[in-house]
Amino acid sequence: MAPSPSTPHSAGQVLPFRQSLVAMLGLCFCTMMVALDQTVVGTALPTIVAELKGFEYYAWVATSYLLTSVITVPIFGRLGDFYGRKRFVMAAIIVFTAASVLCGAANSMPFLVIARALQGIGGGMLVGTAFACVPELFPDPHVRLRWQVMLSSAFGIANAIGPSLGGFLTEAYGWRSVFYVNLPVGLLGVWFVGRHLPHMRAEEHSKASIDWLGAGLITAALGSLQMLVEWLPADGLSRGVVTLLVVLVISSAALYWWERRVSHPILPFEMFRDKSLAPLFVLSVFAGFSMFGLLFYAPLLLQGGFGLSPRETGLLITPLVVCITVGSIVNGRLITRLPNPNVMLYGGFLLLALACAGIITTHRGTPHLLIASYMFLAGLGLGFVMPNLTVFAQEVAGRAHLGIATALMQSLRMIGGMLGTAIVGTLVNHSYTGRVTDALTANDGTRWTSQLSDPQILVNAQAQNDFLMTLAHMGQNGALFIESARSSLVAAIHNGQMVSLAAALAGLWFVRRVPLIRLTRGAKTAPKPQPPVGE
C-alpha cells in the first residue's frame, strides 16, 4: 500500500518506518550481492587462474567487470533520474544473477572475462540505481546516515563471510560455486524490491536523452588505456601499442568535444569544474585505485607468495572487508558531531596509506596477526572515506543532479579500481617474469622457465606436485626452484603495492582541496512516492 499524505512518519523520510524498513531490506540484498561477488571472487581468483591456465588474464577478470560497470553506472543513473529507479534495480538483479551463472560455467579464461563483463553491466546498473534510491527515501542527510547503517551492515555481513566463504567453497566444492552463491541472494533481492520498493521519480521530467556516443567514446578511451598499460612495458612502441595510443588520444579528444555540446552528457564536464565536486571526484579515483589494488592482489600474495590455502587467505582478508563496514558505522556516529567533517577523510587516507606500507613489508615469516592488522587499517580507512565522499557529493550536487552525482562517484571509483588493477597487475606480471628468470639462471634452472614463468604453479597444488616429482626423477631439488619463484612473486607484488601506496598518499595530500561541507538538517524537496507494482 502506498503511503498517503496523512500517514505518520518520521521527518526526513518519505515513507513510514515499516515501509522504509522493508524497502531498505531489498536494497540491502542488492548490496550483499555486489559485495559478495567482490570478496569471494578475489579470494578464489588465484585458484581460478591456476585451473583455467591464463595468468595473463588475471587482471582482466577484475577490469572487464569494472570497465562495463563504468559505462552503465552513469547511463542508468541518468535513466533513473527520469523514469524512476525501481524497474532498473530489478532488471539489474536479473542481469547480474544470470551473468553469475555464466561465470560459474566458464571453461576458459576468455569466456570468464566475457561473462565478468556481462556481470559488470548488471553491477553497474545496480550501483547507478540502487544506491541513488537511498537519498530519495531519506532526503535529510542526518536521517539518511542513520538508515545507511543498514546498508553498511549488509555490506559488512557479506564482506565478513565473503573471503572465508570464498575460501571454503573453493576448497570444498570448487571455484565455480563462488559464483553460484549469488543465486539465492539475487532471488531474495528481486522479491523484496519488486514487492516493497516504491516507484519514485521527479514530478517534472522530460524524455530522457541518453548519450550513447559518449558511452562508446568512454569505452574506447578506457579500453585502449587499459590495454596500453598492459602492452607498453612488454612490447615497447610496437605497431599495436602505437595504434592503441592513437585510439586513446582521438577518443579522449572526441569525448571532451562531444560532451561539451550534447544536451545530456554522460560525463557532464561542468560538474568536474565545480570547485566543491571536483576534489571529491579525484579522491574517489584514488580510493578505488588503492582499494582494488589490495583486494585483488593481496590474495595472490598470500596464496602464491606465502603458500597459504584459500581458506587461510579468506580469514586474513576478512578484516579488510569487514572493517569497511565498521569504519562506516563509526563514521556515521562521528561525522555529524564534528565541526569539520573533512577530518574523517584525512584519517581514512592516512590509515589506507599505513596499510599499504605495511603490506609492502610483509614476508613469509610475518605473523598472521600483523597481516590481519594491516587489513584492519585498510578497511577502517576505506570505511571513513567512501561513505563521506558519496554523502558530500550528494549534498553539493542537490536534488537536480542527485542521480548523476552519485553515479559519477561510483563510476570514478571503478575507474580508479580499473586503473589500479591494471597498473598493479602489469607491474606484478613483468616484475615476476624478470625476477624468476634471473633466479632460475643463477640456479642453473633456465630449462624450467616456461613452467615457472606463470605463477599459477604456485597456487595449483597438483601442477606443483607434478613438477616436483619430475625434477625428483631427474635428481634435482624442485623445491629450490619453487621457493625462488615464491620469493620472486612476493617481491613483484610488493613493487605493485607501492603504486597503491602512492595513490593513498596522493589522496591524503589532495583532501586539503575539499572545501568545508556541513551536513545541514532539513529535508530537501523529495519526489512523490508511487505505489509498488501490483498494490
Protein backbone atom coordinates (compact mmCIF):
# COMPACT_ATOMS: atom_id res chain seq x y z
CA MET A 1 0.00 0.00 0.00
CA ALA A 2 1.39 3.37 -0.95
CA PRO A 3 1.81 5.95 1.78
CA SER A 4 -0.79 8.64 1.88
CA PRO A 5 -0.15 12.24 2.90
CA SER A 6 -1.80 11.54 6.24
CA THR A 7 0.38 8.58 7.05
CA PRO A 8 2.53 9.46 10.08
CA HIS A 9 6.20 9.00 9.58
CA SER A 10 9.48 10.48 10.77
CA ALA A 11 10.69 13.77 9.43
CA GLY A 12 13.35 13.47 6.78
CA GLN A 13 11.97 10.30 5.18
CA VAL A 14 9.22 9.90 2.58
CA LEU A 15 7.83 6.56 3.82
CA PRO A 16 6.59 5.36 7.22
CA PHE A 17 9.03 3.35 9.29
CA ARG A 18 7.79 -0.13 8.37
CA GLN A 19 7.76 0.56 4.65
CA SER A 20 11.13 2.25 4.85
CA LEU A 21 12.47 -0.85 6.62
CA VAL A 22 11.31 -3.41 4.05
CA ALA A 23 12.34 -1.16 1.14
CA MET A 24 15.81 -0.88 2.62
CA LEU A 25 15.94 -4.66 3.06
CA GLY A 26 15.55 -5.01 -0.70
CA LEU A 27 18.41 -2.59 -1.26
CA CYS A 28 20.46 -4.47 1.34
CA PHE A 29 20.20 -7.68 -0.68
CA CYS A 30 21.45 -5.76 -3.73
CA THR A 31 24.38 -4.51 -1.68
CA MET A 32 25.11 -8.00 -0.38
CA MET A 33 25.13 -9.46 -3.88
CA VAL A 34 27.67 -6.94 -5.17
CA ALA A 35 29.81 -7.19 -2.01
CA LEU A 36 29.76 -11.00 -2.01
CA ASP A 37 30.86 -11.07 -5.63
CA GLN A 38 33.84 -8.78 -5.00
CA THR A 39 35.08 -10.64 -1.93
CA VAL A 40 34.53 -14.30 -2.88
CA VAL A 41 35.94 -13.82 -6.38
CA GLY A 42 39.04 -12.06 -5.05
CA THR A 43 39.80 -14.98 -2.72
CA ALA A 44 39.08 -17.63 -5.35
CA LEU A 45 40.82 -15.85 -8.25
CA PRO A 46 44.30 -17.41 -7.83
CA THR A 47 42.71 -20.88 -7.89
CA ILE A 48 40.52 -19.97 -10.89
CA VAL A 49 43.52 -18.77 -12.88
CA ALA A 50 45.54 -21.83 -11.90
CA GLU A 51 42.81 -24.20 -13.14
CA LEU A 52 41.85 -22.35 -16.33
CA LYS A 53 45.53 -21.62 -17.09
CA GLY A 54 45.76 -17.98 -18.08
CA PHE A 55 47.71 -15.76 -15.71
CA GLU A 56 47.88 -13.07 -18.40
CA TYR A 57 44.12 -12.67 -17.90
CA TYR A 58 44.38 -12.31 -14.11
CA ALA A 59 43.79 -8.55 -14.12
CA TRP A 60 41.18 -8.79 -16.86
CA VAL A 61 38.83 -10.79 -14.64
CA ALA A 62 38.57 -7.67 -12.50
CA THR A 63 38.99 -4.94 -15.10
CA SER A 64 36.45 -6.32 -17.58
CA TYR A 65 33.83 -6.11 -14.82
CA LEU A 66 34.92 -2.60 -13.86
CA LEU A 67 35.09 -1.34 -17.45
CA THR A 68 31.49 -2.26 -18.28
CA SER A 69 30.33 -1.02 -14.88
CA VAL A 70 31.91 2.36 -15.52
CA ILE A 71 29.81 2.75 -18.68
CA THR A 72 26.50 1.51 -17.29
CA VAL A 73 26.56 3.36 -13.94
CA PRO A 74 26.05 6.88 -15.38
CA ILE A 75 23.64 5.66 -18.08
CA PHE A 76 21.27 4.09 -15.59
CA GLY A 77 21.87 6.85 -13.08
CA ARG A 78 20.52 9.22 -15.73
CA LEU A 79 17.64 6.88 -16.67
CA GLY A 80 16.71 6.56 -13.01
CA ASP A 81 16.56 10.36 -12.69
CA PHE A 82 13.99 10.47 -15.48
CA TYR A 83 11.94 7.29 -15.17
CA GLY A 84 12.39 6.17 -11.58
CA ARG A 85 14.80 3.53 -10.33
CA LYS A 86 12.72 0.53 -9.30
CA ARG A 87 12.39 -1.13 -12.71
CA PHE A 88 16.10 -0.73 -13.35
CA VAL A 89 17.03 -2.17 -9.95
CA MET A 90 15.02 -5.30 -10.72
CA ALA A 91 16.49 -5.62 -14.22
CA ALA A 92 19.98 -5.19 -12.76
CA ILE A 93 19.49 -8.02 -10.27
CA ILE A 94 18.32 -10.34 -13.05
CA VAL A 95 21.24 -9.49 -15.35
CA PHE A 96 23.78 -9.81 -12.55
CA THR A 97 22.43 -13.16 -11.40
CA ALA A 98 22.27 -14.61 -14.93
CA ALA A 99 25.85 -13.46 -15.60
CA SER A 100 26.96 -15.13 -12.35
CA VAL A 101 25.68 -18.44 -13.71
CA LEU A 102 27.71 -17.90 -16.89
CA CYS A 103 30.81 -17.14 -14.84
CA GLY A 104 30.35 -20.39 -12.94
CA ALA A 105 30.04 -22.30 -16.22
CA ALA A 106 33.20 -20.79 -17.76
CA ASN A 107 35.62 -23.31 -19.28
CA SER A 108 38.36 -20.86 -20.29
CA MET A 109 39.76 -17.54 -19.15
CA PRO A 110 38.48 -15.60 -22.20
CA PHE A 111 34.96 -16.96 -21.56
CA LEU A 112 35.21 -15.94 -17.91
CA VAL A 113 36.40 -12.44 -18.86
CA ILE A 114 33.40 -12.01 -21.19
CA ALA A 115 30.99 -13.31 -18.55
CA ARG A 116 32.51 -10.95 -15.99
CA ALA A 117 31.98 -8.07 -18.43
CA LEU A 118 28.29 -9.00 -18.63
CA GLN A 119 28.20 -9.24 -14.86
CA GLY A 120 29.71 -5.76 -14.75
CA ILE A 121 26.75 -4.44 -16.74
CA GLY A 122 24.39 -5.75 -14.08
CA GLY A 123 26.65 -4.47 -11.31
CA GLY A 124 26.82 -1.03 -12.92
CA MET A 125 23.04 -0.92 -13.22
CA LEU A 126 22.75 -1.77 -9.53
CA VAL A 127 25.26 0.83 -8.41
CA GLY A 128 23.74 3.51 -10.64
CA THR A 129 20.21 2.95 -9.40
CA ALA A 130 20.02 1.13 -6.06
CA PHE A 131 22.37 3.44 -4.17
CA ALA A 132 20.62 6.54 -5.52
CA CYS A 133 17.32 5.26 -4.02
CA VAL A 134 18.60 5.96 -0.51
CA PRO A 135 18.74 9.79 -0.68
CA GLU A 136 15.30 9.74 -2.33
CA LEU A 137 13.85 7.69 0.52
CA PHE A 138 15.66 9.82 3.13
CA PRO A 139 16.23 13.40 1.88
CA ASP A 140 17.57 14.62 5.25
CA PRO A 141 21.29 13.69 5.39
CA HIS A 142 21.17 13.11 9.17
CA VAL A 143 18.27 10.67 8.81
CA ARG A 144 19.95 9.14 5.77
CA LEU A 145 23.17 8.47 7.64
CA ARG A 146 21.24 6.56 10.34
CA TRP A 147 19.42 4.43 7.78
CA GLN A 148 22.60 3.83 5.82
CA VAL A 149 23.78 1.77 8.77
CA MET A 150 21.50 -0.95 7.33
CA LEU A 151 23.36 -0.85 4.04
CA SER A 152 26.68 -0.76 5.87
CA SER A 153 25.62 -3.75 7.96
CA ALA A 154 24.52 -5.69 4.88
CA PHE A 155 27.78 -4.80 3.21
CA GLY A 156 29.59 -5.87 6.37
CA ILE A 157 27.79 -9.21 6.64
CA ALA A 158 28.59 -10.01 3.02
CA ASN A 159 32.17 -8.87 3.48
CA ALA A 160 32.54 -10.74 6.77
CA ILE A 161 31.53 -14.06 5.27
CA GLY A 162 32.76 -13.37 1.73
CA PRO A 163 36.51 -14.11 1.95
CA SER A 164 36.06 -17.09 4.27
CA LEU A 165 33.10 -18.33 2.24
CA GLY A 166 35.13 -17.97 -0.95
CA GLY A 167 37.99 -19.97 0.55
CA PHE A 168 35.67 -22.64 1.97
CA LEU A 169 33.64 -23.06 -1.23
CA THR A 170 36.78 -23.16 -3.37
CA GLU A 171 38.32 -25.92 -1.26
CA ALA A 172 35.12 -27.90 -0.64
CA TYR A 173 33.11 -27.55 -3.87
CA GLY A 174 35.42 -25.91 -6.40
CA TRP A 175 35.72 -22.30 -7.52
CA ARG A 176 32.55 -22.39 -9.65
CA SER A 177 30.43 -22.44 -6.52
CA VAL A 178 31.60 -18.94 -5.57
CA PHE A 179 29.59 -17.55 -8.48
CA TYR A 180 26.51 -19.67 -7.84
CA VAL A 181 26.22 -18.22 -4.32
CA ASN A 182 24.71 -15.13 -5.97
CA LEU A 183 21.58 -17.07 -6.99
CA PRO A 184 19.72 -17.19 -3.64
CA VAL A 185 20.73 -13.61 -2.79
CA GLY A 186 19.50 -12.43 -6.18
CA LEU A 187 16.14 -14.17 -5.78
CA LEU A 188 15.61 -12.55 -2.37
CA GLY A 189 16.57 -9.18 -3.81
CA VAL A 190 14.06 -9.45 -6.67
CA TRP A 191 11.25 -10.36 -4.28
CA PHE A 192 11.91 -7.57 -1.77
CA VAL A 193 12.48 -4.88 -4.38
CA GLY A 194 9.51 -5.89 -6.52
CA ARG A 195 7.16 -6.10 -3.56
CA HIS A 196 8.24 -3.24 -1.31
CA LEU A 197 10.40 -0.61 -3.02
CA PRO A 198 8.15 2.29 -4.11
CA HIS A 199 8.40 3.67 -7.61
CA MET A 200 9.73 7.20 -7.23
CA ARG A 201 10.74 9.77 -9.80
CA ALA A 202 10.88 13.50 -10.12
CA GLU A 203 7.48 15.02 -10.84
CA GLU A 204 8.83 17.21 -13.61
CA HIS A 205 10.75 15.33 -16.25
CA SER A 206 11.06 15.20 -19.97
CA LYS A 207 12.04 12.37 -22.24
CA ALA A 208 15.47 11.03 -21.30
CA SER A 209 18.22 11.66 -23.79
CA ILE A 210 20.97 9.08 -23.39
CA ASP A 211 24.44 9.93 -24.60
CA TRP A 212 25.19 6.68 -26.44
CA LEU A 213 28.03 8.20 -28.46
CA GLY A 214 29.61 9.43 -25.24
CA ALA A 215 29.32 5.92 -23.77
CA GLY A 216 31.04 4.48 -26.83
CA LEU A 217 33.84 7.04 -26.66
CA ILE A 218 34.38 6.31 -22.96
CA THR A 219 34.59 2.59 -23.77
CA ALA A 220 37.16 3.25 -26.49
CA ALA A 221 39.22 5.59 -24.29
CA LEU A 222 39.26 3.40 -21.17
CA GLY A 223 39.65 0.14 -23.07
CA SER A 224 42.60 1.42 -25.08
CA LEU A 225 44.14 2.90 -21.91
CA GLN A 226 43.86 -0.41 -20.10
CA MET A 227 45.46 -2.38 -22.95
CA LEU A 228 48.14 0.29 -23.35
CA VAL A 229 49.09 -0.09 -19.69
CA GLU A 230 49.49 -3.85 -20.17
CA TRP A 231 51.18 -3.92 -23.59
CA LEU A 232 53.58 -0.97 -23.43
CA PRO A 233 56.03 -2.46 -20.88
CA ALA A 234 56.21 -5.74 -22.83
CA ASP A 235 56.09 -4.60 -26.45
CA GLY A 236 57.55 -1.09 -26.32
CA LEU A 237 56.48 1.21 -29.14
CA SER A 238 55.28 -1.58 -31.41
CA ARG A 239 52.68 -1.04 -34.12
CA GLY A 240 49.91 -2.32 -31.88
CA VAL A 241 50.93 -0.05 -28.98
CA VAL A 242 51.15 3.00 -31.26
CA THR A 243 47.70 2.18 -32.62
CA LEU A 244 46.31 2.00 -29.09
CA LEU A 245 47.94 5.32 -28.27
CA VAL A 246 46.33 6.94 -31.32
CA VAL A 247 42.91 5.48 -30.38
CA LEU A 248 43.31 6.77 -26.83
CA VAL A 249 44.19 10.30 -27.92
CA ILE A 250 41.49 10.55 -30.58
CA SER A 251 38.72 9.03 -28.44
CA SER A 252 39.65 11.22 -25.45
CA ALA A 253 39.68 14.40 -27.55
CA ALA A 254 36.42 13.44 -29.26
CA LEU A 255 34.83 12.66 -25.89
CA TYR A 256 35.76 16.08 -24.49
CA TRP A 257 34.50 17.84 -27.63
CA TRP A 258 31.24 15.90 -27.75
CA GLU A 259 30.38 16.04 -24.06
CA ARG A 260 30.55 19.84 -24.08
CA ARG A 261 27.93 20.01 -26.84
CA VAL A 262 25.42 17.24 -26.13
CA SER A 263 22.29 18.18 -24.13
CA HIS A 264 22.55 15.34 -21.56
CA PRO A 265 26.20 14.26 -21.45
CA ILE A 266 27.19 11.01 -19.81
CA LEU A 267 30.18 12.92 -18.39
CA PRO A 268 28.92 16.42 -17.51
CA PHE A 269 32.19 18.35 -17.53
CA GLU A 270 30.58 21.30 -15.78
CA MET A 271 30.37 19.10 -12.67
CA PHE A 272 34.11 18.45 -12.92
CA ARG A 273 34.68 22.21 -13.00
CA ASP A 274 32.70 22.67 -9.77
CA LYS A 275 35.28 23.54 -7.11
CA SER A 276 33.33 21.62 -4.47
CA LEU A 277 32.66 18.46 -6.50
CA ALA A 278 35.91 18.11 -8.45
CA PRO A 279 38.12 17.26 -5.41
CA LEU A 280 35.60 14.63 -4.32
CA PHE A 281 35.72 13.03 -7.78
CA VAL A 282 39.53 12.94 -7.70
CA LEU A 283 39.55 11.38 -4.23
CA SER A 284 37.10 8.71 -5.41
CA VAL A 285 39.61 7.68 -8.10
CA PHE A 286 42.45 7.45 -5.56
CA ALA A 287 40.32 5.43 -3.14
CA GLY A 288 39.28 2.96 -5.86
CA PHE A 289 42.86 2.63 -7.07
CA SER A 290 44.20 1.61 -3.65
CA MET A 291 41.15 -0.48 -2.72
CA PHE A 292 41.14 -2.75 -5.77
CA GLY A 293 44.94 -2.95 -5.89
CA LEU A 294 44.77 -4.51 -2.42
CA LEU A 295 41.59 -6.52 -2.86
CA PHE A 296 42.75 -8.48 -5.92
CA TYR A 297 46.49 -8.86 -5.26
CA ALA A 298 46.60 -9.49 -1.51
CA PRO A 299 45.06 -12.98 -2.08
CA LEU A 300 47.70 -13.73 -4.73
CA LEU A 301 50.41 -12.62 -2.29
CA LEU A 302 49.06 -14.86 0.46
CA GLN A 303 48.33 -17.93 -1.69
CA GLY A 304 51.04 -17.78 -4.33
CA GLY A 305 53.75 -15.95 -2.41
CA PHE A 306 53.29 -17.34 1.10
CA GLY A 307 51.77 -20.72 0.20
CA LEU A 308 48.59 -20.32 2.26
CA SER A 309 45.38 -22.18 1.46
CA PRO A 310 42.29 -20.36 0.10
CA ARG A 311 40.61 -20.78 3.49
CA GLU A 312 43.56 -19.25 5.38
CA THR A 313 43.70 -16.46 2.83
CA GLY A 314 40.00 -15.76 3.30
CA LEU A 315 40.43 -15.44 7.04
CA LEU A 316 43.28 -12.96 6.66
CA ILE A 317 41.42 -10.86 4.05
CA THR A 318 38.27 -10.75 6.19
CA PRO A 319 39.41 -7.79 8.39
CA LEU A 320 39.85 -5.65 5.26
CA VAL A 321 36.29 -6.05 4.07
CA VAL A 322 34.62 -6.26 7.49
CA CYS A 323 36.26 -3.07 8.72
CA ILE A 324 34.91 -1.13 5.75
CA THR A 325 31.57 -1.60 7.47
CA VAL A 326 32.97 -0.93 10.94
CA GLY A 327 34.54 2.27 9.66
CA SER A 328 31.26 3.30 8.00
CA ILE A 329 29.32 2.80 11.22
CA VAL A 330 31.89 4.68 13.31
CA ASN A 331 31.93 7.40 10.68
CA GLY A 332 28.14 7.72 10.79
CA ARG A 333 28.33 8.28 14.54
CA LEU A 334 31.09 10.87 14.35
CA ILE A 335 30.59 12.82 11.14
CA THR A 336 27.53 14.82 12.22
CA ARG A 337 29.22 15.82 15.50
CA LEU A 338 32.44 17.16 14.02
CA PRO A 339 32.78 20.87 13.25
CA ASN A 340 34.94 19.90 10.25
CA PRO A 341 33.74 16.59 8.73
CA ASN A 342 36.72 16.61 6.34
CA VAL A 343 38.86 15.34 9.22
CA MET A 344 37.44 11.87 8.56
CA LEU A 345 38.80 11.95 5.01
CA TYR A 346 42.29 12.78 6.32
CA GLY A 347 42.09 9.91 8.81
CA GLY A 348 40.78 7.48 6.20
CA PHE A 349 43.52 8.06 3.63
CA LEU A 350 46.19 8.04 6.35
CA LEU A 351 45.06 4.61 7.57
CA LEU A 352 44.90 3.33 3.98
CA ALA A 353 48.46 4.55 3.33
CA LEU A 354 49.72 2.88 6.52
CA ALA A 355 48.07 -0.39 5.48
CA CYS A 356 49.66 -0.33 2.01
CA ALA A 357 53.06 0.41 3.56
CA GLY A 358 52.56 -2.50 5.95
CA ILE A 359 51.70 -4.95 3.16
CA ILE A 360 54.87 -3.94 1.31
CA THR A 361 56.95 -5.02 4.33
CA THR A 362 55.35 -8.48 4.75
CA HIS A 363 57.22 -11.71 4.08
CA ARG A 364 56.59 -15.41 4.69
CA GLY A 365 57.63 -15.11 8.32
CA THR A 366 55.35 -12.18 9.11
CA PRO A 367 52.89 -13.17 11.87
CA HIS A 368 49.37 -13.64 10.59
CA LEU A 369 48.05 -11.33 13.30
CA LEU A 370 50.21 -8.50 11.93
CA ILE A 371 48.99 -9.13 8.37
CA ALA A 372 45.40 -9.08 9.65
CA SER A 373 46.09 -5.78 11.41
CA TYR A 374 47.20 -4.21 8.11
CA MET A 375 43.94 -5.40 6.56
CA PHE A 376 42.10 -3.91 9.54
CA LEU A 377 43.69 -0.50 8.93
CA ALA A 378 42.87 -0.61 5.22
CA GLY A 379 39.22 -1.49 5.84
CA LEU A 380 38.80 1.14 8.54
CA GLY A 381 40.34 3.77 6.27
CA LEU A 382 38.04 2.90 3.37
CA GLY A 383 35.08 2.98 5.77
CA PHE A 384 35.98 6.56 6.66
CA VAL A 385 36.48 7.63 3.04
CA MET A 386 33.85 6.04 0.79
CA PRO A 387 30.54 6.94 2.52
CA ASN A 388 31.70 10.52 3.13
CA LEU A 389 32.65 11.07 -0.49
CA THR A 390 29.17 9.95 -1.57
CA VAL A 391 27.25 11.97 1.04
CA PHE A 392 29.36 15.08 0.42
CA ALA A 393 28.79 14.83 -3.33
CA GLN A 394 25.04 14.39 -2.86
CA GLU A 395 24.93 17.44 -0.60
CA VAL A 396 26.82 19.63 -3.04
CA ALA A 397 25.03 18.44 -6.19
CA GLY A 398 21.49 18.88 -4.87
CA ARG A 399 18.30 17.11 -5.94
CA ALA A 400 18.51 18.08 -9.62
CA HIS A 401 21.81 16.22 -10.11
CA LEU A 402 21.44 13.61 -7.39
CA GLY A 403 21.47 10.55 -9.64
CA ILE A 404 24.29 11.62 -11.91
CA ALA A 405 26.45 12.84 -8.99
CA THR A 406 26.01 9.52 -7.16
CA ALA A 407 26.68 7.63 -10.39
CA LEU A 408 29.80 9.65 -11.14
CA MET A 409 31.21 8.99 -7.69
CA GLN A 410 30.73 5.24 -8.14
CA SER A 411 31.99 5.32 -11.75
CA LEU A 412 35.14 7.20 -10.87
CA ARG A 413 35.87 4.82 -8.02
CA MET A 414 35.54 1.97 -10.53
CA ILE A 415 37.80 3.79 -12.99
CA GLY A 416 40.35 4.13 -10.20
CA GLY A 417 39.91 0.43 -9.43
CA MET A 418 40.30 -0.50 -13.09
CA LEU A 419 43.48 1.56 -13.42
CA GLY A 420 44.79 0.27 -10.10
CA THR A 421 44.19 -3.36 -11.00
CA ALA A 422 45.67 -2.93 -14.50
CA ILE A 423 48.74 -0.95 -13.42
CA VAL A 424 49.48 -3.09 -10.36
CA GLY A 425 48.87 -6.21 -12.45
CA THR A 426 51.23 -5.06 -15.18
CA LEU A 427 53.98 -4.28 -12.66
CA VAL A 428 53.47 -7.62 -10.90
CA ASN A 429 53.48 -9.60 -14.15
CA HIS A 430 56.62 -8.06 -15.64
CA SER A 431 58.49 -7.85 -12.35
CA TYR A 432 57.75 -11.50 -11.58
CA THR A 433 58.81 -12.69 -15.03
CA GLY A 434 62.11 -10.83 -14.83
CA ARG A 435 62.89 -11.90 -11.27
CA VAL A 436 62.04 -15.58 -11.73
CA THR A 437 64.12 -15.71 -14.92
CA ASP A 438 67.11 -14.22 -13.09
CA ALA A 439 66.64 -16.62 -10.17
CA LEU A 440 66.47 -19.67 -12.43
CA THR A 441 69.54 -18.52 -14.36
CA ALA A 442 71.51 -18.16 -11.14
CA ASN A 443 70.50 -21.70 -10.06
CA ASP A 444 71.10 -23.30 -13.48
CA GLY A 445 67.40 -23.90 -13.99
CA THR A 446 66.67 -21.96 -17.17
CA ARG A 447 65.11 -25.05 -18.77
CA TRP A 448 62.22 -24.69 -16.29
CA THR A 449 61.50 -21.06 -17.14
CA SER A 450 58.38 -21.91 -19.16
CA GLN A 451 56.83 -23.82 -16.26
CA LEU A 452 57.64 -21.23 -13.59
CA SER A 453 57.14 -18.01 -15.57
CA ASP A 454 53.41 -18.36 -14.85
CA PRO A 455 52.80 -18.18 -11.06
CA GLN A 456 49.73 -20.41 -11.38
CA ILE A 457 52.00 -23.33 -10.44
CA LEU A 458 52.42 -21.71 -7.01
CA VAL A 459 48.67 -21.98 -6.42
CA ASN A 460 47.79 -25.21 -8.23
CA ALA A 461 48.84 -27.99 -5.85
CA GLN A 462 48.53 -30.73 -8.48
CA ALA A 463 50.72 -28.90 -11.01
CA GLN A 464 53.24 -28.17 -8.27
CA ASN A 465 53.42 -31.84 -7.19
CA ASP A 466 53.86 -32.97 -10.80
CA PHE A 467 56.72 -30.51 -11.22
CA LEU A 468 58.43 -31.66 -8.02
CA MET A 469 58.11 -35.33 -8.99
CA THR A 470 59.52 -34.67 -12.46
CA LEU A 471 62.59 -32.97 -11.02
CA ALA A 472 62.97 -35.64 -8.31
CA HIS A 473 63.19 -38.32 -11.02
CA MET A 474 65.96 -36.26 -12.62
CA GLY A 475 67.80 -35.99 -9.33
CA GLN A 476 67.16 -32.27 -8.89
CA ASN A 477 65.68 -30.33 -5.99
CA GLY A 478 62.47 -28.84 -7.39
CA ALA A 479 61.59 -27.24 -4.04
CA LEU A 480 64.51 -24.83 -4.52
CA PHE A 481 63.00 -23.56 -7.78
CA ILE A 482 59.54 -23.29 -6.24
CA GLU A 483 60.89 -21.21 -3.37
CA SER A 484 62.74 -18.96 -5.82
CA ALA A 485 59.50 -18.44 -7.70
CA ARG A 486 57.62 -17.63 -4.48
CA SER A 487 60.25 -15.09 -3.48
CA SER A 488 60.04 -13.55 -6.94
CA LEU A 489 56.25 -13.28 -6.70
CA VAL A 490 56.39 -11.68 -3.24
CA ALA A 491 58.89 -9.07 -4.43
CA ALA A 492 56.81 -8.41 -7.57
CA ILE A 493 53.59 -7.85 -5.59
CA HIS A 494 55.46 -5.57 -3.19
CA ASN A 495 56.54 -3.49 -6.20
CA GLY A 496 52.94 -3.34 -7.39
CA GLN A 497 51.64 -2.31 -4.00
CA MET A 498 53.99 0.67 -3.98
CA VAL A 499 51.70 2.17 -6.60
CA SER A 500 48.71 1.61 -4.31
CA LEU A 501 50.65 3.34 -1.53
CA ALA A 502 51.37 6.28 -3.85
CA ALA A 503 47.64 6.58 -4.65
CA ALA A 504 46.72 6.59 -0.94
CA LEU A 505 49.33 9.27 -0.19
CA ALA A 506 48.12 11.34 -3.15
CA GLY A 507 44.60 11.11 -1.73
CA LEU A 508 45.82 12.21 1.70
CA TRP A 509 47.51 15.25 0.15
CA PHE A 510 44.50 16.09 -2.04
CA VAL A 511 41.97 16.16 0.83
CA ARG A 512 43.12 19.72 1.53
CA ARG A 513 41.41 20.75 -1.71
CA VAL A 514 37.99 19.70 -0.39
CA PRO A 515 36.03 22.73 0.87
CA LEU A 516 34.27 22.57 4.24
CA ILE A 517 30.94 20.78 3.67
CA ARG A 518 28.44 20.98 6.51
CA LEU A 519 25.66 18.40 6.73
CA THR A 520 22.59 20.52 7.46
CA ARG A 521 19.34 19.21 8.82
CA GLY A 522 16.09 19.53 6.96
CA ALA A 523 14.70 17.52 4.09
CA LYS A 524 15.15 18.72 0.60
CA THR A 525 12.37 18.51 -1.94
CA ALA A 526 11.69 14.85 -2.43
CA PRO A 527 9.96 13.04 -5.27
CA LYS A 528 6.45 11.82 -4.63
CA PRO A 529 6.34 8.08 -3.97
CA GLN A 530 4.07 5.96 -6.14
CA PRO A 531 2.68 2.58 -5.07
CA PRO A 532 4.73 -0.54 -5.76
CA VAL A 533 3.67 -2.55 -8.78
CA GLY A 534 0.74 -4.79 -8.00
CA GLU A 535 -0.51 -2.86 -4.98
